[in-house]
Amino acid sequence: MFSQGHREETIELLLCKGDSKDALRRAQECILERLSHGISFGLNSHAIRSDPTLSRLTHFASQLDLTSMSQIKAAELSMFIAISQDQRSRLRELGLEFHKIGHSSAALLCLDQYFSRTPQIQNMGLVNAIEELDLFYIYVNILSATVYQTDPCKDIATATLFGFQWMTDNKFLVPRNTWLHMAALELQLRSATSNSDFILSASELRGLFHCVLVDHIKQRIDAENDECARSKVFQPCLVFAVSGFCTQPNCPEAHVSPSVIDAGYYNMRVRLHLQQILIFQLLRENVHVDMEYRGTKFWLHRLCDALHPPHHIFGSISHLALSTIPEAAKGLDVVKDWVRTLVYRQEFLPDVAFLTDVIRATTLAFMIDRSEADDYLKHAAYFSMRTPPMYIRRGDSSVLPELLAAMSGTYTWSLTAGFVFVEHVIMRQLPINIGVLCDLVDFLCSSVIFCGRHPGMALLHDVTVPRSWLLRFIEYDLPYVNPSVQTSAYHLLLMCIGDLLEQLHGGKGSEYLLYGNSRNLSNVPAVVRHVFIARILKAICLLGYNIRNDLIKNKIRQLLVSLRYEGCVLPSLYSRYVDAASNSWDELAKAICRSLQHDTMDEMIQLLHKSKAPARGCILPGVREVVYDDLMDIRELLDPTPIHDTTQSESEQIAAAIFIQRIYRKVLHHRRDVSKIGTTSLHARIYASCTKEVSQLGDNPGRYLRLFLGPLPHVLVCLETVRIDTLSERKRAKKRLKKCSPHETHALNDWLMQIKKVNRAAINLQKQLSPGSVFHERCDDKQLRKLVEEVNDLVSSLPFDTSSDLSNDLQLAIKGIVVEHPQAHA
């Protein structure tokens, strides 16, 4: 191509005429043209330096005054110089610049050169890793778009980028020194030798182009994925975080100081996993092979660990702020698809991973796909197979439907099913990840605390729990939990917890408890076992503290005291609980209340309802008192404020704090007049309104209480959504009315009349069915059924699509109120 030296001589002559702007402009254009044809996709710096012509051209380019050129042309020349000199950081900058201005071919050339070496994520910090994955996602997206959205036979920029040329008669020349030529030979797609050019028809070029680029995408993502799977930045070291040191040689996890861990760190970790999930999804879309199924399971497990870390020092789901994660919406859509695929393909083997896989998939499904999860989880592949004996408990019942019922919380017997499941796992020593098991124990204990103090959950008052527990319950469980859920069987949990604690404490018999990728608790550092012992002790102690049953308190004390052996020095992670239990329950209660006193990622909260809160509260050491009126205020009420030190607080300071909190609640109440975003928030707000009005049902509401706190909130969600949507539709119609032609006016007026009619119907039904309506005082379930049938007719015949899918809420309302079903039993 460059055998004729007169072109380079011409360029050199033009450059010598430094006083001629026209000559310099022609030299610039000539250099840029020759470099764009000479340096094509995949050509590395070594090949460029080995070519005398390209070396000379890049030398000429380095002599040009780039300030006299247009921004794009200057950037393109800088790109060729950076490629020839292997300036990776400059290629990174230029790749981003080209991407931002939409110059895809130049961006791809830069980024392919930059990522010709696999990203070194292994030793990066969290922020740098996020930036690197963000850039890599841009790169593979451009690659994918080049494959699927570009016709190489018709796009000049693509032909220039990959170095092939259009000939006569719809033929294309692929020169031997191009990446496209070399890739075809490596894949043995052509029988030609390395010394011969390819002459291809249009269909042959398209086939070759697609095949080699898809393989290129696979190779690049495979290498990056392997690097990320091994990278420390995705997984902080638990041992280092809780003890301050780690003795494992070449520890595969990041040693992160607790001083740098905050809510931002938690969300960045979640973001990093969502970024990699999006990258891996591109591999699945380009390479349809079964092995990628294992990769999706791997990253779903890693995401679950990021969302639900093994220790609260790394944060909890209560810290999740999706608004801070740019990839959240797209990433969670992919996760939904992966979870469904995992559920539909989940089989019993390998049995070591089965329960952990099921619980993690169910956890993710309920978190991000609640409206659909109940349906497809019941159709998991393993439910259509013969259940192995290990999952059959006494009475020939499978524990798997009970696990699903426990995690859904939708049945009156859900918690009982959960207690039975945990008992079966521990007694039969079924393989399960210890972190997953502890998450389940936390969930069961917190559910008993939140649901067991007051029948029907009419009021949540005087509970003392970690902030993380409280926020998780309100934001993820409250809208779906059965208001009549039975909590009295928690003694089943306590009966088996003793065995679990003994296994963890001594290490013997803990082989079924899994930790990390492939290890079990019999061969991990002792501090790991201590972390999970402390978690379990805190959970059962909080259960006893809130239940206020002397028999249960004594049982819990006995469990703790049994961990002390003569001559045994207990680890500091839980010794304070055992020492306190050895003295009295009161001392143990103080230890539990103070357990989060100096913690930066969680705190102990005493939640009081304003109708029952004392005028001057008795604030417990290490506990923050929060007085609320509406459950939907709690997130804002829990904004970080210092915990009171009662040893230093004077009575005036306490009174002032209570006064300030009351004023603050009024401000928050005013702020809530702004419409809530999302159906989950709407569900929780309406449910909270229903719980406030339970007293109007009288002393013996009977079955009506279940309808009032169960299906009715779903009815009200439908009506409120319809009401808001009619206002939006009316606003849009009136805006169109100002601009429409005379013959469209009549149709729009008819449309406005329909919307007005729907709005009136929705408001009328809301007035009758609102939680504070006198209609409910009669507890007339027959009349309630009629009104719900009217709601069904209204929603089913709407002249527009609602802003959110109401089918699930409507179905639950009809099933619960209009159609009677026998109550499920354990």
Foldseek 3Di string as FASTA:
>chain_A
DCPDPVLLVQLVVLVVPVVDPVSLVVSLVSLLVVLLLVDAAPDALVNQVVDVVSVSSLVSLVPDDLVVDDPVSSLSNVQSNCRNVVVLVSLLVSLVVCVVVVVLLSNLRSVCSNPVDADQLQPDALVVLLVVLVSVLSNLVSLLCCLPVDQCLPDPSNCSRQNKAADPPQKIKADLPTPLNVLCVVVVVDPDDSHDIDIGHSVVVSVSSNVSSLVVLLVSLVRNLVSVVQHQNLAADPCCAVPVDDDDPPDSHHNDHLVPAALVQLQSSLLSLLSNLSSLVSNCVSDVDPVSLVVLLVSLLSNLCSQDPLFCSNPHVLSHDCVVRPSSVVSLVSVLVSLLVCQQPQACPPQLCRVQSLLSSLVSCLFRPVLCSVPSNCVGNHVVDDDPPLQADPPRDGLVVLQSLLVQQQALCNLVSLLVSLLSCLVSVGAYALSSSLVSLLLSLLCCLQQVPDALSLDGFFAKDKPNSLSCCLQRPQLGHQSRHDNPPCVSNLVRVLSVLVCLLVVPPQQSHDYDDDGTSNPDPNVVSLSSSLSNLLSLLSSCVRVVDPVSLVSSLVSLCVSDDVPDDDDPSCVQLNVQSVPHNVSNVLCSLQVCLPPNRMFMETEHEPVPADLQDDARPRYAYAYAHFSLCVSVSVDDDHRDDVVPDDSVNSNVVVVVNVVVNVVSVVVPVPDDDDLSSLSSRQLRQLSNLPVLQDDDLDPLSSLSNFLLSLLLSLLVQLLVVLVVVLVVLVVVCVVDDPVCNVVSVVVNVLSVVLNVLSVVLCQCSRSPHNNSSVSDLVVVLVSLVVSVVSSVPRPDDTPDDSPSSNVRNCDPRVNDDDRDDD
